Amino acid sequence: MKISGTARNGAPYLPVHGRYGELTLLQVLIFTGVLAFLFLLDITTTQAILGMGGVELNPLMAGVVTFPLLHVIIKCGILLLVIPIALIAESKVRGAGVALYAILIVMYTAVTFNNITVLLPHIVRVVTG
């Protein structure tokens, strides 16, 4: 493998194909897939709560969630924006892209967990009669 310049610490820099900083293409696919799954759970659980008479507590999303298709489109747009932002961040600061994904995954895990805790008593009531 050919050396191309030096890293910040003066060590030789060897480019690794398929990597963006420390963020690999496989990691991008996995993190994006996890985030997409969490977005889907968020949309589904939010719509279920709204269908039972609940309200959206996030004022920025209150008008959006009343239109499920718009909600899906916005989440897809966010997902598509996260990918290049994470890659650019990772190319500038090692670990920044992974950190972005980690923050979003933790945040949407908490949102989904909250939604499930709201739905759980209603599900138990339906199941137990």
N, C-alpha and C. Protein backbone atom coordinates (compact mmCIF):
# COMPACT_ATOMS: atom_id res chain seq x y z
N MET A 1 0.85 -1.18 0.00
CA MET A 1 0.00 0.00 0.00
C MET A 1 0.89 1.24 0.00
N LYS A 2 0.56 2.20 -0.78
CA LYS A 2 1.36 3.40 -0.92
C LYS A 2 1.04 4.40 0.19
N ILE A 3 2.11 5.00 0.76
CA ILE A 3 1.94 6.03 1.79
C ILE A 3 1.57 7.33 1.10
N SER A 4 0.55 8.02 1.63
CA SER A 4 0.14 9.29 1.02
C SER A 4 0.09 10.38 2.09
N GLY A 5 1.24 10.97 2.38
CA GLY A 5 1.29 12.06 3.35
C GLY A 5 1.48 11.54 4.77
N THR A 6 1.22 12.43 5.72
CA THR A 6 1.37 12.05 7.12
C THR A 6 0.11 12.44 7.88
N ALA A 7 -0.14 11.70 8.94
CA ALA A 7 -1.27 12.01 9.81
C ALA A 7 -0.88 13.19 10.70
N ARG A 8 -1.81 13.66 11.51
CA ARG A 8 -1.55 14.82 12.37
C ARG A 8 -0.37 14.60 13.32
N ASN A 9 -0.17 13.35 13.75
CA ASN A 9 0.92 13.09 14.68
C ASN A 9 2.24 12.84 13.97
N GLY A 10 2.28 13.00 12.66
CA GLY A 10 3.50 12.84 11.89
C GLY A 10 3.72 11.42 11.38
N ALA A 11 2.88 10.48 11.81
CA ALA A 11 3.01 9.10 11.35
C ALA A 11 2.54 9.01 9.91
N PRO A 12 3.12 8.07 9.16
CA PRO A 12 2.66 7.91 7.76
C PRO A 12 1.17 7.60 7.71
N TYR A 13 0.50 8.18 6.72
CA TYR A 13 -0.94 7.99 6.56
C TYR A 13 -1.17 7.00 5.44
N LEU A 14 -1.83 5.90 5.76
CA LEU A 14 -2.18 4.90 4.76
C LEU A 14 -3.67 4.97 4.52
N PRO A 15 -4.11 5.36 3.33
CA PRO A 15 -5.55 5.41 3.06
C PRO A 15 -6.14 4.01 3.09
N VAL A 16 -7.30 3.87 3.70
CA VAL A 16 -7.98 2.59 3.77
C VAL A 16 -9.26 2.71 2.96
N HIS A 17 -9.38 1.91 1.93
CA HIS A 17 -10.54 1.98 1.05
C HIS A 17 -11.80 1.56 1.79
N GLY A 18 -12.91 2.27 1.54
CA GLY A 18 -14.17 1.95 2.17
C GLY A 18 -14.34 2.58 3.55
N ARG A 19 -13.41 3.44 3.94
CA ARG A 19 -13.49 4.06 5.26
C ARG A 19 -13.56 5.58 5.11
N TYR A 20 -14.29 6.21 6.00
CA TYR A 20 -14.39 7.66 6.06
C TYR A 20 -13.94 8.02 7.47
N GLY A 21 -12.68 8.41 7.64
CA GLY A 21 -12.16 8.58 8.98
C GLY A 21 -12.16 7.20 9.62
N GLU A 22 -12.78 7.05 10.75
CA GLU A 22 -12.91 5.75 11.40
C GLU A 22 -14.27 5.11 11.14
N LEU A 23 -15.14 5.79 10.42
CA LEU A 23 -16.49 5.31 10.15
C LEU A 23 -16.48 4.50 8.85
N THR A 24 -16.72 3.20 8.96
CA THR A 24 -16.73 2.34 7.77
C THR A 24 -18.09 2.39 7.09
N LEU A 25 -18.11 1.97 5.85
CA LEU A 25 -19.36 1.92 5.11
C LEU A 25 -20.34 0.96 5.78
N LEU A 26 -19.84 -0.16 6.29
CA LEU A 26 -20.70 -1.12 6.99
C LEU A 26 -21.32 -0.47 8.24
N GLN A 27 -20.52 0.31 8.98
CA GLN A 27 -21.05 1.00 10.15
C GLN A 27 -22.14 1.99 9.76
N VAL A 28 -21.92 2.72 8.68
CA VAL A 28 -22.92 3.67 8.20
C VAL A 28 -24.22 2.94 7.89
N LEU A 29 -24.12 1.80 7.21
CA LEU A 29 -25.32 1.03 6.87
C LEU A 29 -26.02 0.51 8.13
N ILE A 30 -25.24 0.00 9.07
CA ILE A 30 -25.84 -0.53 10.31
C ILE A 30 -26.48 0.59 11.12
N PHE A 31 -25.75 1.67 11.34
CA PHE A 31 -26.28 2.79 12.14
C PHE A 31 -27.51 3.40 11.48
N THR A 32 -27.47 3.55 10.16
CA THR A 32 -28.62 4.10 9.44
C THR A 32 -29.81 3.15 9.53
N GLY A 33 -29.57 1.86 9.44
CA GLY A 33 -30.64 0.88 9.58
C GLY A 33 -31.27 0.91 10.97
N VAL A 34 -30.44 1.00 12.00
CA VAL A 34 -30.95 1.09 13.37
C VAL A 34 -31.78 2.36 13.54
N LEU A 35 -31.26 3.47 13.03
CA LEU A 35 -31.97 4.74 13.13
C LEU A 35 -33.29 4.69 12.35
N ALA A 36 -33.29 4.08 11.18
CA ALA A 36 -34.52 3.94 10.39
C ALA A 36 -35.55 3.11 11.14
N PHE A 37 -35.11 2.03 11.78
CA PHE A 37 -36.01 1.19 12.57
C PHE A 37 -36.61 1.99 13.74
N LEU A 38 -35.77 2.78 14.41
CA LEU A 38 -36.26 3.60 15.52
C LEU A 38 -37.23 4.67 15.03
N PHE A 39 -36.96 5.26 13.87
CA PHE A 39 -37.89 6.24 13.28
C PHE A 39 -39.23 5.56 13.00
N LEU A 40 -39.18 4.35 12.44
CA LEU A 40 -40.42 3.62 12.14
C LEU A 40 -41.21 3.33 13.42
N LEU A 41 -40.50 2.90 14.46
CA LEU A 41 -41.16 2.67 15.75
C LEU A 41 -41.75 3.96 16.31
N ASP A 42 -41.02 5.05 16.19
CA ASP A 42 -41.51 6.34 16.67
C ASP A 42 -42.79 6.74 15.94
N ILE A 43 -42.77 6.63 14.62
CA ILE A 43 -43.95 7.00 13.83
C ILE A 43 -45.13 6.10 14.19
N THR A 44 -44.89 4.80 14.25
CA THR A 44 -45.96 3.84 14.54
C THR A 44 -46.56 4.06 15.93
N THR A 45 -45.70 4.17 16.93
CA THR A 45 -46.20 4.35 18.30
C THR A 45 -46.86 5.71 18.48
N THR A 46 -46.33 6.73 17.83
CA THR A 46 -46.94 8.06 17.92
C THR A 46 -48.34 8.04 17.31
N GLN A 47 -48.48 7.40 16.14
CA GLN A 47 -49.79 7.33 15.50
C GLN A 47 -50.77 6.53 16.35
N ALA A 48 -50.29 5.48 17.01
CA ALA A 48 -51.16 4.69 17.90
C ALA A 48 -51.64 5.53 19.07
N ILE A 49 -50.74 6.31 19.65
CA ILE A 49 -51.11 7.18 20.78
C ILE A 49 -52.11 8.24 20.33
N LEU A 50 -51.87 8.84 19.18
CA LEU A 50 -52.80 9.85 18.66
C LEU A 50 -54.16 9.22 18.37
N GLY A 51 -54.16 8.00 17.88
CA GLY A 51 -55.41 7.30 17.59
C GLY A 51 -56.22 7.01 18.84
N MET A 52 -55.55 6.94 19.98
CA MET A 52 -56.24 6.71 21.25
C MET A 52 -56.61 8.01 21.96
N GLY A 53 -56.38 9.14 21.27
CA GLY A 53 -56.74 10.42 21.86
C GLY A 53 -55.59 11.16 22.51
N GLY A 54 -54.38 10.62 22.39
CA GLY A 54 -53.21 11.30 22.95
C GLY A 54 -52.82 12.52 22.12
N VAL A 55 -51.85 13.26 22.61
CA VAL A 55 -51.37 14.45 21.91
C VAL A 55 -49.86 14.38 21.76
N GLU A 56 -49.36 15.03 20.74
CA GLU A 56 -47.92 15.16 20.52
C GLU A 56 -47.39 16.23 21.46
N LEU A 57 -46.37 15.89 22.25
CA LEU A 57 -45.83 16.83 23.23
C LEU A 57 -44.73 17.71 22.65
N ASN A 58 -44.15 17.32 21.52
CA ASN A 58 -43.10 18.12 20.89
C ASN A 58 -43.77 19.19 20.03
N PRO A 59 -43.65 20.46 20.42
CA PRO A 59 -44.34 21.52 19.66
C PRO A 59 -43.86 21.64 18.22
N LEU A 60 -42.62 21.23 17.93
CA LEU A 60 -42.12 21.30 16.55
C LEU A 60 -42.77 20.24 15.66
N MET A 61 -43.22 19.14 16.27
CA MET A 61 -43.80 18.05 15.50
C MET A 61 -45.32 17.98 15.60
N ALA A 62 -45.92 18.81 16.43
CA ALA A 62 -47.37 18.73 16.67
C ALA A 62 -48.19 18.85 15.39
N GLY A 63 -47.82 19.76 14.51
CA GLY A 63 -48.55 19.91 13.26
C GLY A 63 -48.22 18.84 12.25
N VAL A 64 -47.03 18.26 12.36
CA VAL A 64 -46.57 17.26 11.40
C VAL A 64 -47.24 15.91 11.63
N VAL A 65 -47.35 15.49 12.89
CA VAL A 65 -47.82 14.13 13.18
C VAL A 65 -49.29 13.93 12.85
N THR A 66 -50.02 15.00 12.65
CA THR A 66 -51.43 14.85 12.26
C THR A 66 -51.56 14.37 10.82
N PHE A 67 -50.48 14.43 10.06
CA PHE A 67 -50.43 13.94 8.68
C PHE A 67 -49.37 12.84 8.61
N PRO A 68 -49.77 11.57 8.77
CA PRO A 68 -48.79 10.48 8.84
C PRO A 68 -47.82 10.44 7.67
N LEU A 69 -48.29 10.70 6.44
CA LEU A 69 -47.39 10.66 5.29
C LEU A 69 -46.32 11.74 5.40
N LEU A 70 -46.71 12.92 5.84
CA LEU A 70 -45.74 14.01 6.05
C LEU A 70 -44.74 13.61 7.13
N HIS A 71 -45.20 12.98 8.17
CA HIS A 71 -44.34 12.51 9.24
C HIS A 71 -43.28 11.54 8.69
N VAL A 72 -43.71 10.60 7.85
CA VAL A 72 -42.79 9.64 7.23
C VAL A 72 -41.79 10.35 6.33
N ILE A 73 -42.27 11.29 5.51
CA ILE A 73 -41.40 12.02 4.58
C ILE A 73 -40.33 12.81 5.34
N ILE A 74 -40.73 13.47 6.41
CA ILE A 74 -39.78 14.25 7.20
C ILE A 74 -38.73 13.34 7.84
N LYS A 75 -39.16 12.21 8.40
CA LYS A 75 -38.20 11.28 9.02
C LYS A 75 -37.25 10.72 7.97
N CYS A 76 -37.75 10.42 6.77
CA CYS A 76 -36.88 9.94 5.69
C CYS A 76 -35.88 11.02 5.29
N GLY A 77 -36.34 12.26 5.22
CA GLY A 77 -35.45 13.37 4.90
C GLY A 77 -34.36 13.54 5.94
N ILE A 78 -34.73 13.43 7.21
CA ILE A 78 -33.74 13.53 8.28
C ILE A 78 -32.73 12.40 8.15
N LEU A 79 -33.21 11.21 7.89
CA LEU A 79 -32.33 10.05 7.74
C LEU A 79 -31.34 10.26 6.59
N LEU A 80 -31.83 10.80 5.47
CA LEU A 80 -30.96 11.04 4.33
C LEU A 80 -29.97 12.17 4.57
N LEU A 81 -30.30 13.10 5.45
CA LEU A 81 -29.38 14.18 5.80
C LEU A 81 -28.31 13.72 6.78
N VAL A 82 -28.65 12.78 7.64
CA VAL A 82 -27.71 12.32 8.66
C VAL A 82 -26.49 11.65 8.02
N ILE A 83 -26.70 10.90 6.96
CA ILE A 83 -25.61 10.14 6.34
C ILE A 83 -24.47 11.07 5.89
N PRO A 84 -24.73 12.05 5.01
CA PRO A 84 -23.59 12.90 4.60
C PRO A 84 -23.04 13.75 5.74
N ILE A 85 -23.91 14.19 6.65
CA ILE A 85 -23.41 14.98 7.77
C ILE A 85 -22.46 14.15 8.63
N ALA A 86 -22.83 12.89 8.89
CA ALA A 86 -21.96 12.02 9.69
C ALA A 86 -20.64 11.76 8.97
N LEU A 87 -20.70 11.54 7.67
CA LEU A 87 -19.47 11.28 6.91
C LEU A 87 -18.56 12.50 6.87
N ILE A 88 -19.14 13.66 6.68
CA ILE A 88 -18.34 14.89 6.66
C ILE A 88 -17.75 15.16 8.04
N ALA A 89 -18.58 15.00 9.07
CA ALA A 89 -18.10 15.22 10.44
C ALA A 89 -16.96 14.26 10.76
N GLU A 90 -17.11 13.01 10.35
CA GLU A 90 -16.08 12.00 10.62
C GLU A 90 -14.79 12.32 9.89
N SER A 91 -14.90 12.88 8.68
CA SER A 91 -13.69 13.23 7.93
C SER A 91 -12.96 14.42 8.55
N LYS A 92 -13.69 15.25 9.29
CA LYS A 92 -13.08 16.42 9.94
C LYS A 92 -12.54 16.08 11.33
N VAL A 93 -13.32 15.35 12.10
CA VAL A 93 -12.94 14.99 13.48
C VAL A 93 -13.22 13.51 13.69
N ARG A 94 -12.17 12.77 13.95
CA ARG A 94 -12.32 11.33 14.14
C ARG A 94 -13.30 11.03 15.27
N GLY A 95 -14.30 10.20 14.98
CA GLY A 95 -15.30 9.81 15.97
C GLY A 95 -16.54 10.68 15.98
N ALA A 96 -16.53 11.80 15.25
CA ALA A 96 -17.67 12.72 15.26
C ALA A 96 -18.90 12.11 14.57
N GLY A 97 -18.69 11.37 13.50
CA GLY A 97 -19.81 10.74 12.81
C GLY A 97 -20.45 9.65 13.66
N VAL A 98 -19.61 8.86 14.31
CA VAL A 98 -20.12 7.82 15.21
C VAL A 98 -20.87 8.47 16.37
N ALA A 99 -20.33 9.57 16.88
CA ALA A 99 -20.99 10.28 17.99
C ALA A 99 -22.36 10.80 17.57
N LEU A 100 -22.45 11.34 16.35
CA LEU A 100 -23.74 11.83 15.86
C LEU A 100 -24.77 10.70 15.83
N TYR A 101 -24.37 9.57 15.25
CA TYR A 101 -25.28 8.42 15.21
C TYR A 101 -25.64 7.97 16.62
N ALA A 102 -24.67 7.92 17.51
CA ALA A 102 -24.91 7.47 18.89
C ALA A 102 -25.93 8.37 19.59
N ILE A 103 -25.76 9.67 19.43
CA ILE A 103 -26.69 10.63 20.06
C ILE A 103 -28.10 10.43 19.52
N LEU A 104 -28.24 10.32 18.21
CA LEU A 104 -29.57 10.14 17.61
C LEU A 104 -30.20 8.81 18.00
N ILE A 105 -29.40 7.76 18.04
CA ILE A 105 -29.92 6.44 18.41
C ILE A 105 -30.38 6.44 19.86
N VAL A 106 -29.60 7.02 20.75
CA VAL A 106 -30.00 7.09 22.16
C VAL A 106 -31.26 7.95 22.31
N MET A 107 -31.29 9.07 21.62
CA MET A 107 -32.45 9.97 21.71
C MET A 107 -33.73 9.27 21.23
N TYR A 108 -33.67 8.61 20.08
CA TYR A 108 -34.87 7.97 19.56
C TYR A 108 -35.21 6.67 20.29
N THR A 109 -34.23 6.06 20.93
CA THR A 109 -34.53 4.92 21.81
C THR A 109 -35.35 5.42 23.00
N ALA A 110 -34.96 6.56 23.56
CA ALA A 110 -35.70 7.15 24.68
C ALA A 110 -37.11 7.55 24.26
N VAL A 111 -37.25 8.15 23.08
CA VAL A 111 -38.57 8.56 22.57
C VAL A 111 -39.46 7.33 22.39
N THR A 112 -38.91 6.30 21.78
CA THR A 112 -39.69 5.08 21.55
C THR A 112 -40.05 4.40 22.87
N PHE A 113 -39.11 4.37 23.81
CA PHE A 113 -39.39 3.79 25.12
C PHE A 113 -40.52 4.56 25.81
N ASN A 114 -40.49 5.88 25.72
CA ASN A 114 -41.55 6.70 26.31
C ASN A 114 -42.90 6.36 25.66
N ASN A 115 -42.92 6.29 24.35
CA ASN A 115 -44.17 5.97 23.64
C ASN A 115 -44.70 4.59 24.04
N ILE A 116 -43.80 3.63 24.18
CA ILE A 116 -44.23 2.28 24.56
C ILE A 116 -44.78 2.27 25.98
N THR A 117 -44.17 3.05 26.88
CA THR A 117 -44.70 3.11 28.25
C THR A 117 -46.08 3.76 28.30
N VAL A 118 -46.35 4.66 27.36
CA VAL A 118 -47.69 5.26 27.27
C VAL A 118 -48.68 4.22 26.73
N LEU A 119 -48.26 3.43 25.76
CA LEU A 119 -49.15 2.45 25.13
C LEU A 119 -49.36 1.19 25.97
N LEU A 120 -48.39 0.81 26.76
CA LEU A 120 -48.45 -0.45 27.48
C LEU A 120 -49.69 -0.65 28.35
N PRO A 121 -50.10 0.34 29.16
CA PRO A 121 -51.31 0.14 29.96
C PRO A 121 -52.56 -0.11 29.10
N HIS A 122 -52.64 0.54 27.97
CA HIS A 122 -53.77 0.35 27.07
C HIS A 122 -53.74 -1.04 26.43
N ILE A 123 -52.57 -1.51 26.08
CA ILE A 123 -52.42 -2.84 25.49
C ILE A 123 -52.79 -3.91 26.53
N VAL A 124 -52.32 -3.73 27.76
CA VAL A 124 -52.63 -4.69 28.83
C VAL A 124 -54.13 -4.72 29.09
N ARG A 125 -54.76 -3.56 29.09
CA ARG A 125 -56.21 -3.47 29.32
C ARG A 125 -56.98 -4.20 28.22
N VAL A 126 -56.54 -4.07 26.98
CA VAL A 126 -57.21 -4.74 25.86
C VAL A 126 -57.02 -6.25 25.95
N VAL A 127 -55.82 -6.68 26.29
CA VAL A 127 -55.51 -8.11 26.35
C VAL A 127 -56.24 -8.78 27.51
N THR A 128 -56.28 -8.12 28.65
CA THR A 128 -56.90 -8.73 29.84
C THR A 128 -58.41 -8.55 29.89
N GLY A 129 -58.90 -7.71 29.03
CA GLY A 129 -60.36 -7.52 28.93
C GLY A 129 -60.83 -6.56 29.93
